[in-house]
């Protein structure tokens, strides 16, 4: 089988810090900083605007078979998945479908 060269994991500069404000059900937004490291670890800092923080967490992540989606595994057992594109990562829902809306995008 031929391996596609378009994989985010191998074709773009994905390592680094992504920032944005994600939607929040009971606050004014979740100010988010997510750092993806080459060794498949991550560091995340979130502040619930008007509520509290920052809260720091870290863990490891895995790439899916397509090399385009990372799934973060937090210490408490929770997970979060993002599609990795050039200069941005996009939050995915539980079924790995992109959540519509610019507010679900973190930018380098």
PDB file of N, CA and C in Angstrom:
ATOM      1  N   UNK A   1       0.834  -1.194   0.000  1.00  0.00           N
ATOM      2  CA  UNK A   1       0.000   0.000   0.000  1.00  0.00           C
ATOM      3  C   UNK A   1       0.872   1.249   0.000  1.00  0.00           C
ATOM      4  N   UNK A   2       0.425   2.255  -0.695  1.00  0.00           N
ATOM      5  CA  UNK A   2       1.155   3.509  -0.776  1.00  0.00           C
ATOM      6  C   UNK A   2       0.723   4.404   0.382  1.00  0.00           C
ATOM      7  N   UNK A   3       1.680   4.923   1.112  1.00  0.00           N
ATOM      8  CA  UNK A   3       1.367   5.807   2.231  1.00  0.00           C
ATOM      9  C   UNK A   3       1.247   7.234   1.709  1.00  0.00           C
ATOM     10  N   UNK A   4       0.121   7.869   1.998  1.00  0.00           N
ATOM     11  CA  UNK A   4      -0.118   9.248   1.548  1.00  0.00           C
ATOM     12  C   UNK A   4       0.876  10.196   2.182  1.00  0.00           C
ATOM     13  N   UNK A   5       1.411  11.100   1.388  1.00  0.00           N
ATOM     14  CA  UNK A   5       2.346  12.083   1.913  1.00  0.00           C
ATOM     15  C   UNK A   5       1.631  13.327   2.442  1.00  0.00           C
ATOM     16  N   UNK A   6       0.302  13.332   2.427  1.00  0.00           N
ATOM     17  CA  UNK A   6      -0.435  14.513   2.862  1.00  0.00           C
ATOM     18  C   UNK A   6      -0.722  14.484   4.361  1.00  0.00           C
ATOM     19  N   UNK A   7      -0.218  13.456   5.044  1.00  0.00           N
ATOM     20  CA  UNK A   7      -0.512  13.334   6.468  1.00  0.00           C
ATOM     21  C   UNK A   7       0.028  14.513   7.255  1.00  0.00           C
ATOM     22  N   UNK A   8      -0.816  15.070   8.105  1.00  0.00           N
ATOM     23  CA  UNK A   8      -0.425  16.207   8.930  1.00  0.00           C
ATOM     24  C   UNK A   8       0.793  15.876   9.778  1.00  0.00           C
ATOM     25  N   UNK A   9       0.813  14.665  10.312  1.00  0.00           N
ATOM     26  CA  UNK A   9       1.870  14.249  11.226  1.00  0.00           C
ATOM     27  C   UNK A   9       3.246  14.395  10.582  1.00  0.00           C
ATOM     28  N   UNK A  10       3.318  14.120   9.284  1.00  0.00           N
ATOM     29  CA  UNK A  10       4.621  14.121   8.619  1.00  0.00           C
ATOM     30  C   UNK A  10       4.836  15.324   7.712  1.00  0.00           C
ATOM     31  N   UNK A  11       3.762  16.009   7.330  1.00  0.00           N
ATOM     32  CA  UNK A  11       3.918  17.034   6.300  1.00  0.00           C
ATOM     33  C   UNK A  11       3.843  18.466   6.797  1.00  0.00           C
ATOM     34  N   UNK A  12       3.352  18.666   8.024  1.00  0.00           N
ATOM     35  CA  UNK A  12       3.272  20.044   8.514  1.00  0.00           C
ATOM     36  C   UNK A  12       3.996  20.183   9.846  1.00  0.00           C
ATOM     37  N   UNK A  13       4.298  21.400  10.188  1.00  0.00           N
ATOM     38  CA  UNK A  13       4.990  21.723  11.428  1.00  0.00           C
ATOM     39  C   UNK A  13       3.951  21.842  12.538  1.00  0.00           C
ATOM     40  N   UNK A  14       3.569  20.703  13.112  1.00  0.00           N
ATOM     41  CA  UNK A  14       2.455  20.675  14.065  1.00  0.00           C
ATOM     42  C   UNK A  14       2.893  20.934  15.499  1.00  0.00           C
ATOM     43  N   UNK A  15       4.159  20.753  15.796  1.00  0.00           N
ATOM     44  CA  UNK A  15       4.604  20.923  17.177  1.00  0.00           C
ATOM     45  C   UNK A  15       4.483  22.383  17.595  1.00  0.00           C
ATOM     46  N   UNK A  16       4.073  22.622  18.846  1.00  0.00           N
ATOM     47  CA  UNK A  16       4.038  23.987  19.336  1.00  0.00           C
ATOM     48  C   UNK A  16       2.777  24.303  20.112  1.00  0.00           C
ATOM     49  N   UNK A  17       2.563  25.607  20.308  1.00  0.00           N
ATOM     50  CA  UNK A  17       1.458  26.067  21.143  1.00  0.00           C
ATOM     51  C   UNK A  17       0.296  26.576  20.296  1.00  0.00           C
ATOM     52  N   UNK A  18      -0.894  26.142  20.646  1.00  0.00           N
ATOM     53  CA  UNK A  18      -2.132  26.579  19.990  1.00  0.00           C
ATOM     54  C   UNK A  18      -2.975  27.290  21.046  1.00  0.00           C
ATOM     55  N   UNK A  19      -3.599  28.394  20.639  1.00  0.00           N
ATOM     56  CA  UNK A  19      -4.385  29.175  21.595  1.00  0.00           C
ATOM     57  C   UNK A  19      -5.742  29.551  21.009  1.00  0.00           C
ATOM     58  N   UNK A  20      -6.687  29.749  21.899  1.00  0.00           N
ATOM     59  CA  UNK A  20      -8.000  30.222  21.488  1.00  0.00           C
ATOM     60  C   UNK A  20      -8.928  30.278  22.677  1.00  0.00           C
ATOM     61  N   UNK A  21     -10.149  30.706  22.422  1.00  0.00           N
ATOM     62  CA  UNK A  21     -11.183  30.714  23.460  1.00  0.00           C
ATOM     63  C   UNK A  21     -12.300  29.797  22.991  1.00  0.00           C
ATOM     64  N   UNK A  22     -12.448  28.683  23.685  1.00  0.00           N
ATOM     65  CA  UNK A  22     -13.478  27.709  23.332  1.00  0.00           C
ATOM     66  C   UNK A  22     -14.777  28.053  24.057  1.00  0.00           C
ATOM     67  N   UNK A  23     -15.921  27.666  23.475  1.00  0.00           N
ATOM     68  CA  UNK A  23     -17.211  27.957  24.110  1.00  0.00           C
ATOM     69  C   UNK A  23     -17.339  27.293  25.479  1.00  0.00           C
ATOM     70  N   UNK A  24     -18.143  27.907  26.327  1.00  0.00           N
ATOM     71  CA  UNK A  24     -18.360  27.412  27.685  1.00  0.00           C
ATOM     72  C   UNK A  24     -19.842  27.530  27.995  1.00  0.00           C
ATOM     73  N   UNK A  25     -20.415  26.448  28.562  1.00  0.00           N
ATOM     74  CA  UNK A  25     -21.850  26.450  28.848  1.00  0.00           C
ATOM     75  C   UNK A  25     -22.226  27.433  29.955  1.00  0.00           C
ATOM     76  N   UNK A  26     -21.372  27.546  30.972  1.00  0.00           N
ATOM     77  CA  UNK A  26     -21.756  28.368  32.121  1.00  0.00           C
ATOM     78  C   UNK A  26     -20.728  29.445  32.459  1.00  0.00           C
ATOM     79  N   UNK A  27     -19.963  29.875  31.451  1.00  0.00           N
ATOM     80  CA  UNK A  27     -19.048  30.998  31.657  1.00  0.00           C
ATOM     81  C   UNK A  27     -18.884  31.727  30.317  1.00  0.00           C
ATOM     82  N   UNK A  28     -18.010  32.731  30.298  1.00  0.00           N
ATOM     83  CA  UNK A  28     -17.866  33.558  29.095  1.00  0.00           C
ATOM     84  C   UNK A  28     -16.899  32.989  28.063  1.00  0.00           C
ATOM     85  N   UNK A  29     -16.411  31.794  28.319  1.00  0.00           N
ATOM     86  CA  UNK A  29     -15.486  31.171  27.388  1.00  0.00           C
ATOM     87  C   UNK A  29     -14.356  30.495  28.138  1.00  0.00           C
ATOM     88  N   UNK A  30     -13.706  29.569  27.468  1.00  0.00           N
ATOM     89  CA  UNK A  30     -12.586  28.852  28.062  1.00  0.00           C
ATOM     90  C   UNK A  30     -11.322  29.249  27.303  1.00  0.00           C
ATOM     91  N   UNK A  31     -10.528  30.119  27.930  1.00  0.00           N
ATOM     92  CA  UNK A  31      -9.275  30.535  27.324  1.00  0.00           C
ATOM     93  C   UNK A  31      -8.320  29.345  27.397  1.00  0.00           C
ATOM     94  N   UNK A  32      -7.896  28.882  26.241  1.00  0.00           N
ATOM     95  CA  UNK A  32      -7.168  27.621  26.162  1.00  0.00           C
ATOM     96  C   UNK A  32      -5.802  27.795  25.518  1.00  0.00           C
ATOM     97  N   UNK A  33      -4.793  27.214  26.136  1.00  0.00           N
ATOM     98  CA  UNK A  33      -3.460  27.120  25.558  1.00  0.00           C
ATOM     99  C   UNK A  33      -3.087  25.650  25.566  1.00  0.00           C
ATOM    100  N   UNK A  34      -2.785  25.111  24.395  1.00  0.00           N
ATOM    101  CA  UNK A  34      -2.449  23.698  24.277  1.00  0.00           C
ATOM    102  C   UNK A  34      -1.118  23.574  23.550  1.00  0.00           C
ATOM    103  N   UNK A  35      -0.162  22.932  24.208  1.00  0.00           N
ATOM    104  CA  UNK A  35       1.153  22.728  23.617  1.00  0.00           C
ATOM    105  C   UNK A  35       1.313  21.255  23.266  1.00  0.00           C
ATOM    106  N   UNK A  36       1.560  20.988  21.976  1.00  0.00           N
ATOM    107  CA  UNK A  36       1.835  19.625  21.517  1.00  0.00           C
ATOM    108  C   UNK A  36       3.345  19.474  21.353  1.00  0.00           C
ATOM    109  N   UNK A  37       3.895  18.444  21.979  1.00  0.00           N
ATOM    110  CA  UNK A  37       5.330  18.201  21.931  1.00  0.00           C
ATOM    111  C   UNK A  37       5.661  17.017  21.022  1.00  0.00           C
ATOM    112  N   UNK A  38       6.873  17.046  20.461  1.00  0.00           N
ATOM    113  CA  UNK A  38       7.309  15.989  19.545  1.00  0.00           C
ATOM    114  C   UNK A  38       7.271  14.601  20.162  1.00  0.00           C
ATOM    115  N   UNK A  39       7.427  14.525  21.486  1.00  0.00           N
ATOM    116  CA  UNK A  39       7.472  13.209  22.132  1.00  0.00           C
ATOM    117  C   UNK A  39       6.079  12.684  22.487  1.00  0.00           C
ATOM    118  N   UNK A  40       5.059  13.264  21.835  1.00  0.00           N
ATOM    119  CA  UNK A  40       3.665  12.844  22.029  1.00  0.00           C
ATOM    120  C   UNK A  40       3.159  13.091  23.445  1.00  0.00           C
ATOM    121  N   UNK A  41       3.675  14.163  24.059  1.00  0.00           N
ATOM    122  CA  UNK A  41       3.106  14.642  25.316  1.00  0.00           C
ATOM    123  C   UNK A  41       2.479  16.000  25.036  1.00  0.00           C
ATOM    124  N   UNK A  42       1.598  16.427  25.939  1.00  0.00           N
ATOM    125  CA  UNK A  42       0.993  17.748  25.788  1.00  0.00           C
ATOM    126  C   UNK A  42       0.881  18.420  27.135  1.00  0.00           C
ATOM    127  N   UNK A  43       0.778  19.735  27.094  1.00  0.00           N
ATOM    128  CA  UNK A  43       0.511  20.555  28.276  1.00  0.00           C
ATOM    129  C   UNK A  43      -0.646  21.474  27.909  1.00  0.00           C
ATOM    130  N   UNK A  44      -1.633  21.530  28.776  1.00  0.00           N
ATOM    131  CA  UNK A  44      -2.783  22.392  28.516  1.00  0.00           C
ATOM    132  C   UNK A  44      -3.029  23.298  29.715  1.00  0.00           C
ATOM    133  N   UNK A  45      -3.336  24.572  29.410  1.00  0.00           N
ATOM    134  CA  UNK A  45      -3.722  25.518  30.457  1.00  0.00           C
ATOM    135  C   UNK A  45      -5.062  26.107  30.050  1.00  0.00           C
ATOM    136  N   UNK A  46      -6.032  26.022  30.947  1.00  0.00           N
ATOM    137  CA  UNK A  46      -7.344  26.598  30.652  1.00  0.00           C
ATOM    138  C   UNK A  46      -7.764  27.546  31.768  1.00  0.00           C
ATOM    139  N   UNK A  47      -8.386  28.645  31.349  1.00  0.00           N
ATOM    140  CA  UNK A  47      -8.978  29.593  32.290  1.00  0.00           C
ATOM    141  C   UNK A  47     -10.439  29.767  31.928  1.00  0.00           C
ATOM    142  N   UNK A  48     -11.308  29.532  32.892  1.00  0.00           N
ATOM    143  CA  UNK A  48     -12.741  29.727  32.672  1.00  0.00           C
ATOM    144  C   UNK A  48     -13.036  31.197  32.931  1.00  0.00           C
ATOM    145  N   UNK A  49     -13.268  31.943  31.871  1.00  0.00           N
ATOM    146  CA  UNK A  49     -13.400  33.395  31.973  1.00  0.00           C
ATOM    147  C   UNK A  49     -14.562  33.750  32.894  1.00  0.00           C
ATOM    148  N   UNK A  50     -14.244  34.514  33.926  1.00  0.00           N
ATOM    149  CA  UNK A  50     -15.246  34.892  34.903  1.00  0.00           C
ATOM    150  C   UNK A  50     -15.491  33.851  35.972  1.00  0.00           C
ATOM    151  N   UNK A  51     -14.805  32.715  35.874  1.00  0.00           N
ATOM    152  CA  UNK A  51     -15.039  31.622  36.824  1.00  0.00           C
ATOM    153  C   UNK A  51     -13.796  31.201  37.581  1.00  0.00           C
ATOM    154  N   UNK A  52     -12.661  31.111  36.898  1.00  0.00           N
ATOM    155  CA  UNK A  52     -11.475  30.679  37.614  1.00  0.00           C
ATOM    156  C   UNK A  52     -10.425  30.038  36.737  1.00  0.00           C
ATOM    157  N   UNK A  53      -9.289  29.832  37.339  1.00  0.00           N
ATOM    158  CA  UNK A  53      -8.150  29.267  36.642  1.00  0.00           C
ATOM    159  C   UNK A  53      -6.952  30.169  36.820  1.00  0.00           C
ATOM    160  N   UNK A  54      -5.864  29.931  36.124  1.00  0.00           N
ATOM    161  CA  UNK A  54      -5.749  28.845  35.140  1.00  0.00           C
ATOM    162  C   UNK A  54      -5.566  27.474  35.792  1.00  0.00           C
ATOM    163  N   UNK A  55      -6.048  26.461  35.069  1.00  0.00           N
ATOM    164  CA  UNK A  55      -5.870  25.081  35.491  1.00  0.00           C
ATOM    165  C   UNK A  55      -4.933  24.420  34.486  1.00  0.00           C
ATOM    166  N   UNK A  56      -3.911  23.756  35.001  1.00  0.00           N
ATOM    167  CA  UNK A  56      -2.941  23.132  34.116  1.00  0.00           C
ATOM    168  C   UNK A  56      -3.111  21.622  34.136  1.00  0.00           C
ATOM    169  N   UNK A  57      -2.955  21.019  32.994  1.00  0.00           N
ATOM    170  CA  UNK A  57      -3.010  19.571  32.904  1.00  0.00           C
ATOM    171  C   UNK A  57      -2.032  19.131  31.834  1.00  0.00           C
ATOM    172  N   UNK A  58      -1.684  17.861  31.886  1.00  0.00           N
ATOM    173  CA  UNK A  58      -0.770  17.326  30.889  1.00  0.00           C
ATOM    174  C   UNK A  58      -1.105  15.861  30.680  1.00  0.00           C
ATOM    175  N   UNK A  59      -0.483  15.296  29.684  1.00  0.00           N
ATOM    176  CA  UNK A  59      -0.735  13.897  29.386  1.00  0.00           C
ATOM    177  C   UNK A  59      -0.031  13.515  28.103  1.00  0.00           C
ATOM    178  N   UNK A  60      -0.531  12.469  27.487  1.00  0.00           N
ATOM    179  CA  UNK A  60       0.041  11.999  26.233  1.00  0.00           C
ATOM    180  C   UNK A  60      -1.034  12.027  25.157  1.00  0.00           C
ATOM    181  N   UNK A  61      -0.602  11.993  23.910  1.00  0.00           N
ATOM    182  CA  UNK A  61      -1.571  11.917  22.820  1.00  0.00           C
ATOM    183  C   UNK A  61      -1.132  10.890  21.798  1.00  0.00           C
ATOM    184  N   UNK A  62      -2.115  10.403  21.067  1.00  0.00           N
ATOM    185  CA  UNK A  62      -1.842   9.447  19.988  1.00  0.00           C
ATOM    186  C   UNK A  62      -2.402  10.000  18.686  1.00  0.00           C
ATOM    187  N   UNK A  63      -1.752   9.628  17.591  1.00  0.00           N
ATOM    188  CA  UNK A  63      -2.245   9.960  16.250  1.00  0.00           C
ATOM    189  C   UNK A  63      -3.139   8.827  15.767  1.00  0.00           C
ATOM    190  N   UNK A  64      -4.177   9.155  15.016  1.00  0.00           N
ATOM    191  CA  UNK A  64      -5.002   8.105  14.423  1.00  0.00           C
ATOM    192  C   UNK A  64      -4.289   7.554  13.191  1.00  0.00           C
ATOM    193  N   UNK A  65      -4.903   6.555  12.565  1.00  0.00           N
ATOM    194  CA  UNK A  65      -4.288   5.900  11.405  1.00  0.00           C
ATOM    195  C   UNK A  65      -4.089   6.821  10.218  1.00  0.00           C
ATOM    196  N   UNK A  66      -4.895   7.889  10.123  1.00  0.00           N
ATOM    197  CA  UNK A  66      -4.766   8.807   8.987  1.00  0.00           C
ATOM    198  C   UNK A  66      -3.628   9.792   9.187  1.00  0.00           C
ATOM    199  N   UNK A  67      -3.150   9.913  10.435  1.00  0.00           N
ATOM    200  CA  UNK A  67      -2.104  10.885  10.717  1.00  0.00           C
ATOM    201  C   UNK A  67      -2.613  12.313  10.708  1.00  0.00           C
ATOM    202  N   UNK A  68      -3.928  12.488  10.843  1.00  0.00           N
ATOM    203  CA  UNK A  68      -4.513  13.828  10.820  1.00  0.00           C
ATOM    204  C   UNK A  68      -5.216  14.206  12.110  1.00  0.00           C
ATOM    205  N   UNK A  69      -5.470  13.224  12.967  1.00  0.00           N
ATOM    206  CA  UNK A  69      -6.219  13.476  14.198  1.00  0.00           C
ATOM    207  C   UNK A  69      -5.391  13.039  15.395  1.00  0.00           C
ATOM    208  N   UNK A  70      -5.302  13.917  16.403  1.00  0.00           N
ATOM    209  CA  UNK A  70      -4.659  13.555  17.659  1.00  0.00           C
ATOM    210  C   UNK A  70      -5.728  13.420  18.732  1.00  0.00           C
ATOM    211  N   UNK A  71      -5.550  12.421  19.586  1.00  0.00           N
ATOM    212  CA  UNK A  71      -6.431  12.245  20.733  1.00  0.00           C
ATOM    213  C   UNK A  71      -5.595  12.405  21.990  1.00  0.00           C
ATOM    214  N   UNK A  72      -5.963  13.417  22.780  1.00  0.00           N
ATOM    215  CA  UNK A  72      -5.268  13.714  24.022  1.00  0.00           C
ATOM    216  C   UNK A  72      -5.835  12.861  25.137  1.00  0.00           C
ATOM    217  N   UNK A  73      -4.954  12.281  25.943  1.00  0.00           N
ATOM    218  CA  UNK A  73      -5.379  11.468  27.078  1.00  0.00           C
ATOM    219  C   UNK A  73      -4.922  12.164  28.352  1.00  0.00           C
ATOM    220  N   UNK A  74      -5.912  12.636  29.128  1.00  0.00           N
ATOM    221  CA  UNK A  74      -5.625  13.365  30.356  1.00  0.00           C
ATOM    222  C   UNK A  74      -5.442  12.401  31.524  1.00  0.00           C
ATOM    223  N   UNK A  75      -4.797  12.894  32.580  1.00  0.00           N
ATOM    224  CA  UNK A  75      -4.505  12.078  33.758  1.00  0.00           C
ATOM    225  C   UNK A  75      -5.784  11.526  34.400  1.00  0.00           C
ATOM    226  N   UNK A  76      -6.896  12.270  34.285  1.00  0.00           N
ATOM    227  CA  UNK A  76      -8.142  11.827  34.922  1.00  0.00           C
ATOM    228  C   UNK A  76      -8.915  10.819  34.072  1.00  0.00           C
ATOM    229  N   UNK A  77      -8.330  10.439  32.914  1.00  0.00           N
ATOM    230  CA  UNK A  77      -8.971   9.443  32.071  1.00  0.00           C
ATOM    231  C   UNK A  77      -9.809  10.026  30.952  1.00  0.00           C
ATOM    232  N   UNK A  78     -10.041  11.342  30.987  1.00  0.00           N
ATOM    233  CA  UNK A  78     -10.817  11.966  29.920  1.00  0.00           C
ATOM    234  C   UNK A  78      -9.959  12.121  28.667  1.00  0.00           C
ATOM    235  N   UNK A  79     -10.634  12.297  27.539  1.00  0.00           N
ATOM    236  CA  UNK A  79      -9.933  12.454  26.269  1.00  0.00           C
ATOM    237  C   UNK A  79     -10.508  13.634  25.494  1.00  0.00           C
ATOM    238  N   UNK A  80      -9.712  14.153  24.570  1.00  0.00           N
ATOM    239  CA  UNK A  80     -10.176  15.191  23.653  1.00  0.00           C
ATOM    240  C   UNK A  80      -9.456  14.966  22.336  1.00  0.00           C
ATOM    241  N   UNK A  81     -10.175  15.144  21.227  1.00  0.00           N
ATOM    242  CA  UNK A  81      -9.571  14.916  19.919  1.00  0.00           C
ATOM    243  C   UNK A  81      -9.608  16.182  19.078  1.00  0.00           C
ATOM    244  N   UNK A  82      -8.544  16.381  18.304  1.00  0.00           N
ATOM    245  CA  UNK A  82      -8.413  17.537  17.422  1.00  0.00           C
ATOM    246  C   UNK A  82      -7.931  17.089  16.054  1.00  0.00           C
ATOM    247  N   UNK A  83      -8.448  17.739  14.999  1.00  0.00           N
ATOM    248  CA  UNK A  83      -7.902  17.563  13.660  1.00  0.00           C
ATOM    249  C   UNK A  83      -6.771  18.562  13.513  1.00  0.00           C
ATOM    250  N   UNK A  84      -5.617  18.085  13.048  1.00  0.00           N
ATOM    251  CA  UNK A  84      -4.435  18.923  12.923  1.00  0.00           C
ATOM    252  C   UNK A  84      -4.301  19.406  11.483  1.00  0.00           C
ATOM    253  N   UNK A  85      -4.264  20.725  11.302  1.00  0.00           N
ATOM    254  CA  UNK A  85      -4.073  21.315   9.985  1.00  0.00           C
ATOM    255  C   UNK A  85      -2.947  22.336  10.086  1.00  0.00           C
ATOM    256  N   UNK A  86      -2.586  22.938   8.981  1.00  0.00           N
ATOM    257  CA  UNK A  86      -1.486  23.900   8.984  1.00  0.00           C
ATOM    258  C   UNK A  86      -1.821  25.099   9.874  1.00  0.00           C
ATOM    259  N   UNK A  87      -1.125  25.216  11.011  1.00  0.00           N
ATOM    260  CA  UNK A  87      -1.286  26.369  11.879  1.00  0.00           C
ATOM    261  C   UNK A  87      -2.515  26.377  12.760  1.00  0.00           C
ATOM    262  N   UNK A  88      -3.357  25.351  12.658  1.00  0.00           N
ATOM    263  CA  UNK A  88      -4.569  25.296  13.479  1.00  0.00           C
ATOM    264  C   UNK A  88      -4.854  23.863  13.918  1.00  0.00           C
ATOM    265  N   UNK A  89      -5.579  23.741  15.025  1.00  0.00           N
ATOM    266  CA  UNK A  89      -6.175  22.458  15.383  1.00  0.00           C
ATOM    267  C   UNK A  89      -7.653  22.711  15.660  1.00  0.00           C
ATOM    268  N   UNK A  90      -8.477  21.753  15.243  1.00  0.00           N
ATOM    269  CA  UNK A  90      -9.934  21.916  15.330  1.00  0.00           C
ATOM    270  C   UNK A  90     -10.511  20.840  16.228  1.00  0.00           C
ATOM    271  N   UNK A  91     -11.267  21.282  17.236  1.00  0.00           N
ATOM    272  CA  UNK A  91     -11.865  20.355  18.192  1.00  0.00           C
ATOM    273  C   UNK A  91     -12.878  19.449  17.506  1.00  0.00           C
ATOM    274  N   UNK A  92     -12.832  18.156  17.862  1.00  0.00           N
ATOM    275  CA  UNK A  92     -13.763  17.175  17.306  1.00  0.00           C
ATOM    276  C   UNK A  92     -14.721  16.706  18.394  1.00  0.00           C
ATOM    277  N   UNK A  93     -15.874  16.219  17.962  1.00  0.00           N
ATOM    278  CA  UNK A  93     -16.823  15.677  18.937  1.00  0.00           C
ATOM    279  C   UNK A  93     -16.467  14.223  19.265  1.00  0.00           C
ATOM    280  N   UNK A  94     -17.306  13.560  20.037  1.00  0.00           N
ATOM    281  CA  UNK A  94     -17.015  12.194  20.486  1.00  0.00           C
ATOM    282  C   UNK A  94     -16.939  11.186  19.344  1.00  0.00           C
ATOM    283  N   UNK A  95     -17.523  11.515  18.204  1.00  0.00           N
ATOM    284  CA  UNK A  95     -17.482  10.612  17.060  1.00  0.00           C
ATOM    285  C   UNK A  95     -16.404  11.036  16.060  1.00  0.00           C
ATOM    286  N   UNK A  96     -15.521  11.941  16.489  1.00  0.00           N
ATOM    287  CA  UNK A  96     -14.407  12.449  15.679  1.00  0.00           C
ATOM    288  C   UNK A  96     -14.865  13.264  14.480  1.00  0.00           C
ATOM    289  N   UNK A  97     -16.031  13.884  14.615  1.00  0.00           N
ATOM    290  CA  UNK A  97     -16.526  14.792  13.585  1.00  0.00           C
ATOM    291  C   UNK A  97     -16.203  16.219  14.023  1.00  0.00           C
ATOM    292  N   UNK A  98     -15.725  17.010  13.071  1.00  0.00           N
ATOM    293  CA  UNK A  98     -15.372  18.397  13.371  1.00  0.00           C
ATOM    294  C   UNK A  98     -16.598  19.154  13.859  1.00  0.00           C
ATOM    295  N   UNK A  99     -16.441  19.897  14.953  1.00  0.00           N
ATOM    296  CA  UNK A  99     -17.542  20.706  15.470  1.00  0.00           C
ATOM    297  C   UNK A  99     -17.574  22.000  14.659  1.00  0.00           C
ATOM    298  N   UNK A 100     -18.727  22.303  14.075  1.00  0.00           N
ATOM    299  CA  UNK A 100     -18.843  23.474  13.210  1.00  0.00           C
ATOM    300  C   UNK A 100     -18.653  24.757  13.997  1.00  0.00           C
ATOM    301  N   UNK A 101     -17.955  25.697  13.396  1.00  0.00           N
ATOM    302  CA  UNK A 101     -17.821  27.009  14.006  1.00  0.00           C
ATOM    303  C   UNK A 101     -16.372  27.372  14.282  1.00  0.00           C
ATOM    304  N   UNK A 102     -16.048  28.603  13.997  1.00  0.00           N
ATOM    305  CA  UNK A 102     -14.699  29.106  14.173  1.00  0.00           C
ATOM    306  C   UNK A 102     -14.284  29.119  15.647  1.00  0.00           C
ATOM    307  N   UNK A 103     -15.270  29.102  16.545  1.00  0.00           N
ATOM    308  CA  UNK A 103     -14.956  29.171  17.971  1.00  0.00           C
ATOM    309  C   UNK A 103     -14.378  27.862  18.505  1.00  0.00           C
ATOM    310  N   UNK A 104     -14.353  26.819  17.685  1.00  0.00           N
ATOM    311  CA  UNK A 104     -13.784  25.545  18.105  1.00  0.00           C
ATOM    312  C   UNK A 104     -12.387  25.319  17.522  1.00  0.00           C
ATOM    313  N   UNK A 105     -11.752  26.391  17.090  1.00  0.00           N
ATOM    314  CA  UNK A 105     -10.431  26.310  16.460  1.00  0.00           C
ATOM    315  C   UNK A 105      -9.393  26.968  17.374  1.00  0.00           C
ATOM    316  N   UNK A 106      -8.277  26.289  17.569  1.00  0.00           N
ATOM    317  CA  UNK A 106      -7.138  26.871  18.274  1.00  0.00           C
ATOM    318  C   UNK A 106      -6.052  27.159  17.242  1.00  0.00           C
ATOM    319  N   UNK A 107      -5.387  28.307  17.382  1.00  0.00           N
ATOM    320  CA  UNK A 107      -4.397  28.745  16.382  1.00  0.00           C
ATOM    321  C   UNK A 107      -3.013  28.884  16.969  1.00  0.00           C
ATOM    322  N   UNK A 108      -2.038  28.557  16.153  1.00  0.00           N
ATOM    323  CA  UNK A 108      -0.638  28.705  16.580  1.00  0.00           C
ATOM    324  C   UNK A 108      -0.268  30.172  16.677  1.00  0.00           C
TER     325      UNK A 108
END
